[in-house]
Amino acid sequence: MDFTQEGFSIGKLAAETGFSPAAIRFYEKQGLIEAAPRNLSGFRRYSGEVIQRLRFIRRAKRLGFTLREIRELLGGKEPRMSWRQARSAILAKLKEIEKRMLQLEKARMALLKLLKDPA
C-alpha cells in the first residue's frame, strides 16, 4: 500500500479497491464515504479507513444490498446502526433472497416441463 501522512490519491485508492475514480467520487457524493480533504494542490486525499468502507460496499453489493441499504448499514453521516439493526437488515435481505430463489425454482420447473411437453 502506498499510504503516506497525506493519504491516498484517488488513483491509488482505485487501484487498492478495484473501484473506478468515478465510482469513488459517486460514493463520496452519496455519503457512503467521507468527503476527502484536498491537499494544497487541490487533489483529494483519502484515508486508509476509506479503503475498508469501499471493501465493505463491494461485499455488500455482491450480497445484493442496495446503495440505500448499504448507507443504512454504514450509517452514512448518521451514527452507525447497532448490531441488532444490522442483523435485522441482514435477515430481511436473506428472506428476500430466499423468496427470489423460490420464484426462480418455480420458473425453472415450468421451463423444464415445457421442454418435456411443448404442447
PDB file of N, CA and C in Angstrom:
ATOM      1  N   MET A   1       0.840  -1.188   0.000  1.00  0.00           N
ATOM      2  CA  MET A   1       0.000   0.000   0.000  1.00  0.00           C
ATOM      3  C   MET A   1       0.878   1.243   0.000  1.00  0.00           C
ATOM      4  N   ASP A   2       0.417   2.244  -0.699  1.00  0.00           N
ATOM      5  CA  ASP A   2       1.164   3.483  -0.801  1.00  0.00           C
ATOM      6  C   ASP A   2       0.465   4.556   0.019  1.00  0.00           C
ATOM      7  N   PHE A   3       0.506   4.408   1.328  1.00  0.00           N
ATOM      8  CA  PHE A   3      -0.168   5.354   2.208  1.00  0.00           C
ATOM      9  C   PHE A   3       0.876   6.231   2.874  1.00  0.00           C
ATOM     10  N   THR A   4       0.697   7.526   2.769  1.00  0.00           N
ATOM     11  CA  THR A   4       1.581   8.467   3.444  1.00  0.00           C
ATOM     12  C   THR A   4       0.736   9.265   4.410  1.00  0.00           C
ATOM     13  N   GLN A   5       1.359  10.170   5.128  1.00  0.00           N
ATOM     14  CA  GLN A   5       0.609  11.000   6.057  1.00  0.00           C
ATOM     15  C   GLN A   5      -0.419  11.837   5.315  1.00  0.00           C
ATOM     16  N   GLU A   6      -0.205  12.043   4.039  1.00  0.00           N
ATOM     17  CA  GLU A   6      -1.138  12.831   3.251  1.00  0.00           C
ATOM     18  C   GLU A   6      -2.314  11.998   2.762  1.00  0.00           C
ATOM     19  N   GLY A   7      -2.241  10.682   2.806  1.00  0.00           N
ATOM     20  CA  GLY A   7      -3.333   9.831   2.375  1.00  0.00           C
ATOM     21  C   GLY A   7      -3.148   9.297   0.971  1.00  0.00           C
ATOM     22  N   PHE A   8      -4.211   8.683   0.492  1.00  0.00           N
ATOM     23  CA  PHE A   8      -4.207   8.080  -0.836  1.00  0.00           C
ATOM     24  C   PHE A   8      -4.750   9.064  -1.864  1.00  0.00           C
ATOM     25  N   SER A   9      -4.140   9.063  -3.036  1.00  0.00           N
ATOM     26  CA  SER A   9      -4.739   9.779  -4.163  1.00  0.00           C
ATOM     27  C   SER A   9      -5.920   8.935  -4.632  1.00  0.00           C
ATOM     28  N   ILE A  10      -6.790   9.512  -5.425  1.00  0.00           N
ATOM     29  CA  ILE A  10      -7.941   8.758  -5.919  1.00  0.00           C
ATOM     30  C   ILE A  10      -7.486   7.608  -6.818  1.00  0.00           C
ATOM     31  N   GLY A  11      -6.404   7.803  -7.553  1.00  0.00           N
ATOM     32  CA  GLY A  11      -5.871   6.735  -8.404  1.00  0.00           C
ATOM     33  C   GLY A  11      -5.363   5.557  -7.591  1.00  0.00           C
ATOM     34  N   LYS A  12      -4.635   5.835  -6.518  1.00  0.00           N
ATOM     35  CA  LYS A  12      -4.136   4.764  -5.643  1.00  0.00           C
ATOM     36  C   LYS A  12      -5.285   4.074  -4.935  1.00  0.00           C
ATOM     37  N   LEU A  13      -6.270   4.858  -4.513  1.00  0.00           N
ATOM     38  CA  LEU A  13      -7.442   4.293  -3.861  1.00  0.00           C
ATOM     39  C   LEU A  13      -8.184   3.367  -4.839  1.00  0.00           C
ATOM     40  N   ALA A  14      -8.317   3.810  -6.076  1.00  0.00           N
ATOM     41  CA  ALA A  14      -8.966   2.993  -7.100  1.00  0.00           C
ATOM     42  C   ALA A  14      -8.200   1.682  -7.299  1.00  0.00           C
ATOM     43  N   ALA A  15      -6.881   1.764  -7.361  1.00  0.00           N
ATOM     44  CA  ALA A  15      -6.062   0.567  -7.549  1.00  0.00           C
ATOM     45  C   ALA A  15      -6.192  -0.391  -6.357  1.00  0.00           C
ATOM     46  N   GLU A  16      -6.277   0.148  -5.153  1.00  0.00           N
ATOM     47  CA  GLU A  16      -6.381  -0.673  -3.950  1.00  0.00           C
ATOM     48  C   GLU A  16      -7.734  -1.357  -3.813  1.00  0.00           C
ATOM     49  N   THR A  17      -8.796  -0.717  -4.309  1.00  0.00           N
ATOM     50  CA  THR A  17     -10.148  -1.215  -4.071  1.00  0.00           C
ATOM     51  C   THR A  17     -10.813  -1.835  -5.298  1.00  0.00           C
ATOM     52  N   GLY A  18     -10.310  -1.540  -6.491  1.00  0.00           N
ATOM     53  CA  GLY A  18     -10.939  -2.048  -7.702  1.00  0.00           C
ATOM     54  C   GLY A  18     -12.099  -1.202  -8.188  1.00  0.00           C
ATOM     55  N   PHE A  19     -12.382  -0.102  -7.498  1.00  0.00           N
ATOM     56  CA  PHE A  19     -13.413   0.828  -7.950  1.00  0.00           C
ATOM     57  C   PHE A  19     -12.779   1.861  -8.868  1.00  0.00           C
ATOM     58  N   SER A  20     -13.536   2.347  -9.820  1.00  0.00           N
ATOM     59  CA  SER A  20     -13.033   3.412 -10.682  1.00  0.00           C
ATOM     60  C   SER A  20     -13.040   4.726  -9.906  1.00  0.00           C
ATOM     61  N   PRO A  21     -12.222   5.693 -10.313  1.00  0.00           N
ATOM     62  CA  PRO A  21     -12.279   7.010  -9.669  1.00  0.00           C
ATOM     63  C   PRO A  21     -13.681   7.619  -9.721  1.00  0.00           C
ATOM     64  N   ALA A  22     -14.397   7.401 -10.834  1.00  0.00           N
ATOM     65  CA  ALA A  22     -15.759   7.938 -10.944  1.00  0.00           C
ATOM     66  C   ALA A  22     -16.670   7.299  -9.897  1.00  0.00           C
ATOM     67  N   ALA A  23     -16.532   5.998  -9.670  1.00  0.00           N
ATOM     68  CA  ALA A  23     -17.350   5.314  -8.661  1.00  0.00           C
ATOM     69  C   ALA A  23     -17.018   5.835  -7.267  1.00  0.00           C
ATOM     70  N   ILE A  24     -15.752   6.066  -7.007  1.00  0.00           N
ATOM     71  CA  ILE A  24     -15.331   6.590  -5.698  1.00  0.00           C
ATOM     72  C   ILE A  24     -15.932   7.970  -5.475  1.00  0.00           C
ATOM     73  N   ARG A  25     -15.882   8.827  -6.491  1.00  0.00           N
ATOM     74  CA  ARG A  25     -16.486  10.159  -6.362  1.00  0.00           C
ATOM     75  C   ARG A  25     -18.002  10.046  -6.169  1.00  0.00           C
ATOM     76  N   PHE A  26     -18.629   9.091  -6.870  1.00  0.00           N
ATOM     77  CA  PHE A  26     -20.067   8.869  -6.718  1.00  0.00           C
ATOM     78  C   PHE A  26     -20.393   8.474  -5.279  1.00  0.00           C
ATOM     79  N   TYR A  27     -19.666   7.519  -4.721  1.00  0.00           N
ATOM     80  CA  TYR A  27     -19.920   7.087  -3.340  1.00  0.00           C
ATOM     81  C   TYR A  27     -19.674   8.226  -2.361  1.00  0.00           C
ATOM     82  N   GLU A  28     -18.727   9.065  -2.679  1.00  0.00           N
ATOM     83  CA  GLU A  28     -18.470  10.239  -1.839  1.00  0.00           C
ATOM     84  C   GLU A  28     -19.670  11.187  -1.888  1.00  0.00           C
ATOM     85  N   LYS A  29     -20.183  11.451  -3.091  1.00  0.00           N
ATOM     86  CA  LYS A  29     -21.351  12.331  -3.240  1.00  0.00           C
ATOM     87  C   LYS A  29     -22.588  11.745  -2.569  1.00  0.00           C
ATOM     88  N   GLN A  30     -22.702  10.419  -2.566  1.00  0.00           N
ATOM     89  CA  GLN A  30     -23.842   9.738  -1.961  1.00  0.00           C
ATOM     90  C   GLN A  30     -23.713   9.620  -0.438  1.00  0.00           C
ATOM     91  N   GLY A  31     -22.574  10.020   0.094  1.00  0.00           N
ATOM     92  CA  GLY A  31     -22.370   9.972   1.539  1.00  0.00           C
ATOM     93  C   GLY A  31     -21.979   8.604   2.070  1.00  0.00           C
ATOM     94  N   LEU A  32     -21.594   7.684   1.181  1.00  0.00           N
ATOM     95  CA  LEU A  32     -21.173   6.361   1.623  1.00  0.00           C
ATOM     96  C   LEU A  32     -19.742   6.367   2.148  1.00  0.00           C
ATOM     97  N   ILE A  33     -18.943   7.305   1.644  1.00  0.00           N
ATOM     98  CA  ILE A  33     -17.609   7.523   2.197  1.00  0.00           C
ATOM     99  C   ILE A  33     -17.493   9.016   2.500  1.00  0.00           C
ATOM    100  N   GLU A  34     -16.616   9.326   3.427  1.00  0.00           N
ATOM    101  CA  GLU A  34     -16.447  10.738   3.801  1.00  0.00           C
ATOM    102  C   GLU A  34     -15.856  11.532   2.653  1.00  0.00           C
ATOM    103  N   ALA A  35     -16.262  12.782   2.575  1.00  0.00           N
ATOM    104  CA  ALA A  35     -15.665  13.676   1.581  1.00  0.00           C
ATOM    105  C   ALA A  35     -14.186  13.817   1.919  1.00  0.00           C
ATOM    106  N   ALA A  36     -13.351  13.610   0.928  1.00  0.00           N
ATOM    107  CA  ALA A  36     -11.913  13.642   1.155  1.00  0.00           C
ATOM    108  C   ALA A  36     -11.414  15.085   1.207  1.00  0.00           C
ATOM    109  N   PRO A  37     -10.553  15.362   2.172  1.00  0.00           N
ATOM    110  CA  PRO A  37      -9.946  16.695   2.172  1.00  0.00           C
ATOM    111  C   PRO A  37      -9.006  16.824   0.980  1.00  0.00           C
ATOM    112  N   ARG A  38      -8.769  18.024   0.589  1.00  0.00           N
ATOM    113  CA  ARG A  38      -7.870  18.263  -0.550  1.00  0.00           C
ATOM    114  C   ARG A  38      -6.539  18.789  -0.042  1.00  0.00           C
ATOM    115  N   ASN A  39      -5.480  18.390  -0.749  1.00  0.00           N
ATOM    116  CA  ASN A  39      -4.156  18.896  -0.387  1.00  0.00           C
ATOM    117  C   ASN A  39      -3.972  20.297  -0.977  1.00  0.00           C
ATOM    118  N   LEU A  40      -2.805  20.874  -0.803  1.00  0.00           N
ATOM    119  CA  LEU A  40      -2.551  22.240  -1.284  1.00  0.00           C
ATOM    120  C   LEU A  40      -2.687  22.362  -2.796  1.00  0.00           C
ATOM    121  N   SER A  41      -2.485  21.256  -3.493  1.00  0.00           N
ATOM    122  CA  SER A  41      -2.621  21.264  -4.949  1.00  0.00           C
ATOM    123  C   SER A  41      -4.064  21.076  -5.399  1.00  0.00           C
ATOM    124  N   GLY A  42      -4.969  20.852  -4.454  1.00  0.00           N
ATOM    125  CA  GLY A  42      -6.384  20.687  -4.786  1.00  0.00           C
ATOM    126  C   GLY A  42      -6.819  19.257  -5.043  1.00  0.00           C
ATOM    127  N   PHE A  43      -5.914  18.295  -4.868  1.00  0.00           N
ATOM    128  CA  PHE A  43      -6.252  16.898  -5.102  1.00  0.00           C
ATOM    129  C   PHE A  43      -6.851  16.277  -3.844  1.00  0.00           C
ATOM    130  N   ARG A  44      -7.845  15.408  -4.049  1.00  0.00           N
ATOM    131  CA  ARG A  44      -8.435  14.692  -2.915  1.00  0.00           C
ATOM    132  C   ARG A  44      -7.395  13.746  -2.317  1.00  0.00           C
ATOM    133  N   ARG A  45      -7.409  13.616  -0.985  1.00  0.00           N
ATOM    134  CA  ARG A  45      -6.527  12.684  -0.293  1.00  0.00           C
ATOM    135  C   ARG A  45      -7.377  11.860   0.657  1.00  0.00           C
ATOM    136  N   TYR A  46      -7.438  10.558   0.422  1.00  0.00           N
ATOM    137  CA  TYR A  46      -8.313   9.663   1.164  1.00  0.00           C
ATOM    138  C   TYR A  46      -7.538   8.926   2.253  1.00  0.00           C
ATOM    139  N   SER A  47      -8.205   8.698   3.376  1.00  0.00           N
ATOM    140  CA  SER A  47      -7.593   7.971   4.481  1.00  0.00           C
ATOM    141  C   SER A  47      -7.684   6.468   4.246  1.00  0.00           C
ATOM    142  N   GLY A  48      -6.912   5.721   5.008  1.00  0.00           N
ATOM    143  CA  GLY A  48      -6.961   4.263   4.924  1.00  0.00           C
ATOM    144  C   GLY A  48      -8.321   3.705   5.323  1.00  0.00           C
ATOM    145  N   GLU A  49      -9.059   4.419   6.158  1.00  0.00           N
ATOM    146  CA  GLU A  49     -10.384   3.979   6.574  1.00  0.00           C
ATOM    147  C   GLU A  49     -11.336   3.885   5.378  1.00  0.00           C
ATOM    148  N   VAL A  50     -11.133   4.733   4.397  1.00  0.00           N
ATOM    149  CA  VAL A  50     -11.996   4.724   3.209  1.00  0.00           C
ATOM    150  C   VAL A  50     -11.844   3.403   2.456  1.00  0.00           C
ATOM    151  N   ILE A  51     -10.645   2.840   2.465  1.00  0.00           N
ATOM    152  CA  ILE A  51     -10.429   1.547   1.811  1.00  0.00           C
ATOM    153  C   ILE A  51     -11.338   0.496   2.438  1.00  0.00           C
ATOM    154  N   GLN A  52     -11.392   0.474   3.754  1.00  0.00           N
ATOM    155  CA  GLN A  52     -12.238  -0.505   4.441  1.00  0.00           C
ATOM    156  C   GLN A  52     -13.713  -0.306   4.102  1.00  0.00           C
ATOM    157  N   ARG A  53     -14.144   0.948   4.054  1.00  0.00           N
ATOM    158  CA  ARG A  53     -15.549   1.223   3.713  1.00  0.00           C
ATOM    159  C   ARG A  53     -15.853   0.788   2.285  1.00  0.00           C
ATOM    160  N   LEU A  54     -14.944   1.064   1.360  1.00  0.00           N
ATOM    161  CA  LEU A  54     -15.172   0.670  -0.028  1.00  0.00           C
ATOM    162  C   LEU A  54     -15.194  -0.848  -0.172  1.00  0.00           C
ATOM    163  N   ARG A  55     -14.341  -1.539   0.559  1.00  0.00           N
ATOM    164  CA  ARG A  55     -14.355  -3.009   0.525  1.00  0.00           C
ATOM    165  C   ARG A  55     -15.671  -3.542   1.092  1.00  0.00           C
ATOM    166  N   PHE A  56     -16.170  -2.895   2.145  1.00  0.00           N
ATOM    167  CA  PHE A  56     -17.456  -3.281   2.710  1.00  0.00           C
ATOM    168  C   PHE A  56     -18.562  -3.063   1.678  1.00  0.00           C
ATOM    169  N   ILE A  57     -18.531  -1.918   0.999  1.00  0.00           N
ATOM    170  CA  ILE A  57     -19.531  -1.609  -0.026  1.00  0.00           C
ATOM    171  C   ILE A  57     -19.510  -2.677  -1.115  1.00  0.00           C
ATOM    172  N   ARG A  58     -18.322  -3.062  -1.550  1.00  0.00           N
ATOM    173  CA  ARG A  58     -18.206  -4.082  -2.601  1.00  0.00           C
ATOM    174  C   ARG A  58     -18.821  -5.406  -2.126  1.00  0.00           C
ATOM    175  N   ARG A  59     -18.483  -5.833  -0.912  1.00  0.00           N
ATOM    176  CA  ARG A  59     -19.042  -7.092  -0.393  1.00  0.00           C
ATOM    177  C   ARG A  59     -20.558  -7.010  -0.268  1.00  0.00           C
ATOM    178  N   ALA A  60     -21.044  -5.891   0.254  1.00  0.00           N
ATOM    179  CA  ALA A  60     -22.489  -5.733   0.438  1.00  0.00           C
ATOM    180  C   ALA A  60     -23.221  -5.742  -0.907  1.00  0.00           C
ATOM    181  N   LYS A  61     -22.638  -5.096  -1.918  1.00  0.00           N
ATOM    182  CA  LYS A  61     -23.258  -5.102  -3.252  1.00  0.00           C
ATOM    183  C   LYS A  61     -23.305  -6.524  -3.808  1.00  0.00           C
ATOM    184  N   ARG A  62     -22.225  -7.282  -3.609  1.00  0.00           N
ATOM    185  CA  ARG A  62     -22.196  -8.669  -4.089  1.00  0.00           C
ATOM    186  C   ARG A  62     -23.263  -9.514  -3.400  1.00  0.00           C
ATOM    187  N   LEU A  63     -23.598  -9.156  -2.170  1.00  0.00           N
ATOM    188  CA  LEU A  63     -24.617  -9.893  -1.423  1.00  0.00           C
ATOM    189  C   LEU A  63     -26.029  -9.420  -1.748  1.00  0.00           C
ATOM    190  N   GLY A  64     -26.143  -8.426  -2.629  1.00  0.00           N
ATOM    191  CA  GLY A  64     -27.456  -7.992  -3.083  1.00  0.00           C
ATOM    192  C   GLY A  64     -28.027  -6.782  -2.368  1.00  0.00           C
ATOM    193  N   PHE A  65     -27.250  -6.138  -1.511  1.00  0.00           N
ATOM    194  CA  PHE A  65     -27.748  -4.948  -0.829  1.00  0.00           C
ATOM    195  C   PHE A  65     -27.761  -3.770  -1.793  1.00  0.00           C
ATOM    196  N   THR A  66     -28.789  -2.950  -1.696  1.00  0.00           N
ATOM    197  CA  THR A  66     -28.882  -1.731  -2.499  1.00  0.00           C
ATOM    198  C   THR A  66     -28.011  -0.660  -1.849  1.00  0.00           C
ATOM    199  N   LEU A  67     -27.741   0.411  -2.586  1.00  0.00           N
ATOM    200  CA  LEU A  67     -26.951   1.502  -2.011  1.00  0.00           C
ATOM    201  C   LEU A  67     -27.657   2.117  -0.808  1.00  0.00           C
ATOM    202  N   ARG A  68     -28.976   2.200  -0.875  1.00  0.00           N
ATOM    203  CA  ARG A  68     -29.729   2.730   0.273  1.00  0.00           C
ATOM    204  C   ARG A  68     -29.520   1.846   1.497  1.00  0.00           C
ATOM    205  N   GLU A  69     -29.591   0.532   1.290  1.00  0.00           N
ATOM    206  CA  GLU A  69     -29.392  -0.403   2.396  1.00  0.00           C
ATOM    207  C   GLU A  69     -27.965  -0.345   2.922  1.00  0.00           C
ATOM    208  N   ILE A  70     -27.008  -0.208   2.022  1.00  0.00           N
ATOM    209  CA  ILE A  70     -25.604  -0.097   2.433  1.00  0.00           C
ATOM    210  C   ILE A  70     -25.400   1.171   3.248  1.00  0.00           C
ATOM    211  N   ARG A  71     -26.018   2.259   2.804  1.00  0.00           N
ATOM    212  CA  ARG A  71     -25.916   3.524   3.542  1.00  0.00           C
ATOM    213  C   ARG A  71     -26.451   3.351   4.959  1.00  0.00           C
ATOM    214  N   GLU A  72     -27.572   2.636   5.069  1.00  0.00           N
ATOM    215  CA  GLU A  72     -28.152   2.380   6.385  1.00  0.00           C
ATOM    216  C   GLU A  72     -27.220   1.527   7.238  1.00  0.00           C
ATOM    217  N   LEU A  73     -26.610   0.503   6.628  1.00  0.00           N
ATOM    218  CA  LEU A  73     -25.684  -0.350   7.371  1.00  0.00           C
ATOM    219  C   LEU A  73     -24.462   0.433   7.845  1.00  0.00           C
ATOM    220  N   LEU A  74     -23.944   1.281   6.959  1.00  0.00           N
ATOM    221  CA  LEU A  74     -22.758   2.067   7.304  1.00  0.00           C
ATOM    222  C   LEU A  74     -23.088   3.254   8.197  1.00  0.00           C
ATOM    223  N   GLY A  75     -24.319   3.692   8.141  1.00  0.00           N
ATOM    224  CA  GLY A  75     -24.702   4.845   8.940  1.00  0.00           C
ATOM    225  C   GLY A  75     -24.570   6.153   8.198  1.00  0.00           C
ATOM    226  N   GLY A  76     -23.886   6.162   7.044  1.00  0.00           N
ATOM    227  CA  GLY A  76     -23.710   7.416   6.309  1.00  0.00           C
ATOM    228  C   GLY A  76     -23.177   8.495   7.209  1.00  0.00           C
ATOM    229  N   LYS A  77     -23.871   9.600   7.270  1.00  0.00           N
ATOM    230  CA  LYS A  77     -23.453  10.706   8.128  1.00  0.00           C
ATOM    231  C   LYS A  77     -24.082  10.593   9.515  1.00  0.00           C
ATOM    232  N   GLU A  78     -25.012   9.645   9.636  1.00  0.00           N
ATOM    233  CA  GLU A  78     -25.667   9.396  10.926  1.00  0.00           C
ATOM    234  C   GLU A  78     -24.802   8.414  11.717  1.00  0.00           C
ATOM    235  N   PRO A  79     -25.072   8.277  13.016  1.00  0.00           N
ATOM    236  CA  PRO A  79     -24.347   7.255  13.779  1.00  0.00           C
ATOM    237  C   PRO A  79     -24.593   5.877  13.177  1.00  0.00           C
ATOM    238  N   ARG A  80     -23.574   5.066  13.189  1.00  0.00           N
ATOM    239  CA  ARG A  80     -23.661   3.726  12.617  1.00  0.00           C
ATOM    240  C   ARG A  80     -24.768   2.935  13.315  1.00  0.00           C
ATOM    241  N   MET A  81     -25.492   2.102  12.552  1.00  0.00           N
ATOM    242  CA  MET A  81     -26.592   1.335  13.139  1.00  0.00           C
ATOM    243  C   MET A  81     -26.041   0.293  14.112  1.00  0.00           C
ATOM    244  N   SER A  82     -26.867  -0.065  15.067  1.00  0.00           N
ATOM    245  CA  SER A  82     -26.479  -1.058  16.068  1.00  0.00           C
ATOM    246  C   SER A  82     -26.401  -2.436  15.423  1.00  0.00           C
ATOM    247  N   TRP A  83     -25.763  -3.373  16.125  1.00  0.00           N
ATOM    248  CA  TRP A  83     -25.690  -4.745  15.611  1.00  0.00           C
ATOM    249  C   TRP A  83     -27.092  -5.322  15.458  1.00  0.00           C
ATOM    250  N   ARG A  84     -27.987  -5.025  16.396  1.00  0.00           N
ATOM    251  CA  ARG A  84     -29.360  -5.539  16.324  1.00  0.00           C
ATOM    252  C   ARG A  84     -30.035  -5.046  15.036  1.00  0.00           C
ATOM    253  N   GLN A  85     -29.857  -3.762  14.711  1.00  0.00           N
ATOM    254  CA  GLN A  85     -30.439  -3.207  13.487  1.00  0.00           C
ATOM    255  C   GLN A  85     -29.788  -3.826  12.249  1.00  0.00           C
ATOM    256  N   ALA A  86     -28.456  -3.972  12.284  1.00  0.00           N
ATOM    257  CA  ALA A  86     -27.743  -4.562  11.151  1.00  0.00           C
ATOM    258  C   ALA A  86     -28.184  -6.013  10.951  1.00  0.00           C
ATOM    259  N   ARG A  87     -28.312  -6.748  12.030  1.00  0.00           N
ATOM    260  CA  ARG A  87     -28.748  -8.144  11.969  1.00  0.00           C
ATOM    261  C   ARG A  87     -30.143  -8.229  11.354  1.00  0.00           C
ATOM    262  N   SER A  88     -31.010  -7.326  11.753  1.00  0.00           N
ATOM    263  CA  SER A  88     -32.361  -7.291  11.207  1.00  0.00           C
ATOM    264  C   SER A  88     -32.332  -7.026   9.699  1.00  0.00           C
ATOM    265  N   ALA A  89     -31.491  -6.098   9.266  1.00  0.00           N
ATOM    266  CA  ALA A  89     -31.368  -5.787   7.834  1.00  0.00           C
ATOM    267  C   ALA A  89     -30.817  -6.987   7.069  1.00  0.00           C
ATOM    268  N   ILE A  90     -29.853  -7.680   7.671  1.00  0.00           N
ATOM    269  CA  ILE A  90     -29.260  -8.855   7.028  1.00  0.00           C
ATOM    270  C   ILE A  90     -30.294  -9.974   6.924  1.00  0.00           C
ATOM    271  N   LEU A  91     -31.050 -10.195   7.973  1.00  0.00           N
ATOM    272  CA  LEU A  91     -32.102 -11.226   7.937  1.00  0.00           C
ATOM    273  C   LEU A  91     -33.171 -10.899   6.902  1.00  0.00           C
ATOM    274  N   ALA A  92     -33.523  -9.621   6.784  1.00  0.00           N
ATOM    275  CA  ALA A  92     -34.510  -9.209   5.777  1.00  0.00           C
ATOM    276  C   ALA A  92     -33.972  -9.477   4.376  1.00  0.00           C
ATOM    277  N   LYS A  93     -32.693  -9.189   4.153  1.00  0.00           N
ATOM    278  CA  LYS A  93     -32.088  -9.443   2.841  1.00  0.00           C
ATOM    279  C   LYS A  93     -32.060 -10.941   2.564  1.00  0.00           C
ATOM    280  N   LEU A  94     -31.742 -11.728   3.563  1.00  0.00           N
ATOM    281  CA  LEU A  94     -31.729 -13.180   3.399  1.00  0.00           C
ATOM    282  C   LEU A  94     -33.118 -13.693   3.025  1.00  0.00           C
ATOM    283  N   LYS A  95     -34.144 -13.192   3.679  1.00  0.00           N
ATOM    284  CA  LYS A  95     -35.524 -13.592   3.374  1.00  0.00           C
ATOM    285  C   LYS A  95     -35.880 -13.209   1.933  1.00  0.00           C
ATOM    286  N   GLU A  96     -35.471 -12.013   1.516  1.00  0.00           N
ATOM    287  CA  GLU A  96     -35.729 -11.555   0.150  1.00  0.00           C
ATOM    288  C   GLU A  96     -35.047 -12.470  -0.868  1.00  0.00           C
ATOM    289  N   ILE A  97     -33.814 -12.853  -0.589  1.00  0.00           N
ATOM    290  CA  ILE A  97     -33.063 -13.730  -1.492  1.00  0.00           C
ATOM    291  C   ILE A  97     -33.723 -15.104  -1.562  1.00  0.00           C
ATOM    292  N   GLU A  98     -34.138 -15.634  -0.427  1.00  0.00           N
ATOM    293  CA  GLU A  98     -34.803 -16.934  -0.411  1.00  0.00           C
ATOM    294  C   GLU A  98     -36.111 -16.894  -1.196  1.00  0.00           C
ATOM    295  N   LYS A  99     -36.847 -15.793  -1.103  1.00  0.00           N
ATOM    296  CA  LYS A  99     -38.091 -15.646  -1.873  1.00  0.00           C
ATOM    297  C   LYS A  99     -37.787 -15.647  -3.370  1.00  0.00           C
ATOM    298  N   ARG A 100     -36.741 -14.921  -3.764  1.00  0.00           N
ATOM    299  CA  ARG A 100     -36.358 -14.892  -5.177  1.00  0.00           C
ATOM    300  C   ARG A 100     -35.930 -16.272  -5.653  1.00  0.00           C
ATOM    301  N   MET A 101     -35.223 -17.009  -4.785  1.00  0.00           N
ATOM    302  CA  MET A 101     -34.782 -18.357  -5.150  1.00  0.00           C
ATOM    303  C   MET A 101     -35.975 -19.268  -5.409  1.00  0.00           C
ATOM    304  N   LEU A 102     -36.999 -19.156  -4.579  1.00  0.00           N
ATOM    305  CA  LEU A 102     -38.212 -19.961  -4.788  1.00  0.00           C
ATOM    306  C   LEU A 102     -38.881 -19.599  -6.107  1.00  0.00           C
ATOM    307  N   GLN A 103     -38.949 -18.298  -6.400  1.00  0.00           N
ATOM    308  CA  GLN A 103     -39.547 -17.859  -7.662  1.00  0.00           C
ATOM    309  C   GLN A 103     -38.753 -18.383  -8.852  1.00  0.00           C
ATOM    310  N   LEU A 104     -37.444 -18.331  -8.750  1.00  0.00           N
ATOM    311  CA  LEU A 104     -36.600 -18.831  -9.841  1.00  0.00           C
ATOM    312  C   LEU A 104     -36.732 -20.341  -9.993  1.00  0.00           C
ATOM    313  N   GLU A 105     -36.852 -21.061  -8.892  1.00  0.00           N
ATOM    314  CA  GLU A 105     -37.024 -22.514  -8.971  1.00  0.00           C
ATOM    315  C   GLU A 105     -38.352 -22.860  -9.633  1.00  0.00           C
ATOM    316  N   LYS A 106     -39.404 -22.112  -9.322  1.00  0.00           N
ATOM    317  CA  LYS A 106     -40.697 -22.340  -9.978  1.00  0.00           C
ATOM    318  C   LYS A 106     -40.594 -22.082 -11.474  1.00  0.00           C
ATOM    319  N   ALA A 107     -39.914 -21.008 -11.850  1.00  0.00           N
ATOM    320  CA  ALA A 107     -39.731 -20.697 -13.271  1.00  0.00           C
ATOM    321  C   ALA A 107     -38.912 -21.787 -13.942  1.00  0.00           C
ATOM    322  N   ARG A 108     -37.896 -22.282 -13.273  1.00  0.00           N
ATOM    323  CA  ARG A 108     -37.048 -23.355 -13.809  1.00  0.00           C
ATOM    324  C   ARG A 108     -37.881 -24.605 -14.063  1.00  0.00           C
ATOM    325  N   MET A 109     -38.696 -24.964 -13.086  1.00  0.00           N
ATOM    326  CA  MET A 109     -39.521 -26.163 -13.222  1.00  0.00           C
ATOM    327  C   MET A 109     -40.520 -26.009 -14.378  1.00  0.00           C
ATOM    328  N   ALA A 110     -41.089 -24.815 -14.532  1.00  0.00           N
ATOM    329  CA  ALA A 110     -42.033 -24.573 -15.632  1.00  0.00           C
ATOM    330  C   ALA A 110     -41.325 -24.701 -16.977  1.00  0.00           C
ATOM    331  N   LEU A 111     -40.107 -24.212 -17.067  1.00  0.00           N
ATOM    332  CA  LEU A 111     -39.351 -24.316 -18.324  1.00  0.00           C
ATOM    333  C   LEU A 111     -38.981 -25.764 -18.619  1.00  0.00           C
ATOM    334  N   LEU A 112     -38.603 -26.511 -17.601  1.00  0.00           N
ATOM    335  CA  LEU A 112     -38.280 -27.926 -17.808  1.00  0.00           C
ATOM    336  C   LEU A 112     -39.511 -28.704 -18.275  1.00  0.00           C
ATOM    337  N   LYS A 113     -40.648 -28.378 -17.679  1.00  0.00           N
ATOM    338  CA  LYS A 113     -41.903 -29.017 -18.076  1.00  0.00           C
ATOM    339  C   LYS A 113     -42.238 -28.686 -19.532  1.00  0.00           C
ATOM    340  N   LEU A 114     -42.013 -27.449 -19.926  1.00  0.00           N
ATOM    341  CA  LEU A 114     -42.264 -27.013 -21.298  1.00  0.00           C
ATOM    342  C   LEU A 114     -41.358 -27.758 -22.280  1.00  0.00           C
ATOM    343  N   LEU A 115     -40.117 -28.009 -21.883  1.00  0.00           N
ATOM    344  CA  LEU A 115     -39.197 -28.760 -22.751  1.00  0.00           C
ATOM    345  C   LEU A 115     -39.669 -30.189 -22.947  1.00  0.00           C
ATOM    346  N   LYS A 116     -40.201 -30.792 -21.914  1.00  0.00           N
ATOM    347  CA  LYS A 116     -40.658 -32.176 -21.984  1.00  0.00           C
ATOM    348  C   LYS A 116     -41.972 -32.306 -22.766  1.00  0.00           C
ATOM    349  N   ASP A 117     -42.844 -31.335 -22.611  1.00  0.00           N
ATOM    350  CA  ASP A 117     -44.164 -31.394 -23.248  1.00  0.00           C
ATOM    351  C   ASP A 117     -44.525 -30.009 -23.782  1.00  0.00           C
ATOM    352  N   PRO A 118     -44.054 -29.679 -24.977  1.00  0.00           N
ATOM    353  CA  PRO A 118     -44.280 -28.326 -25.510  1.00  0.00           C
ATOM    354  C   PRO A 118     -45.741 -28.025 -25.864  1.00  0.00           C
ATOM    355  N   ALA A 119     -46.580 -29.018 -25.942  1.00  0.00           N
ATOM    356  CA  ALA A 119     -47.980 -28.800 -26.371  1.00  0.00           C
ATOM    357  C   ALA A 119     -48.832 -28.265 -25.283  1.00  0.00           C
TER     358      ALA A 119
END
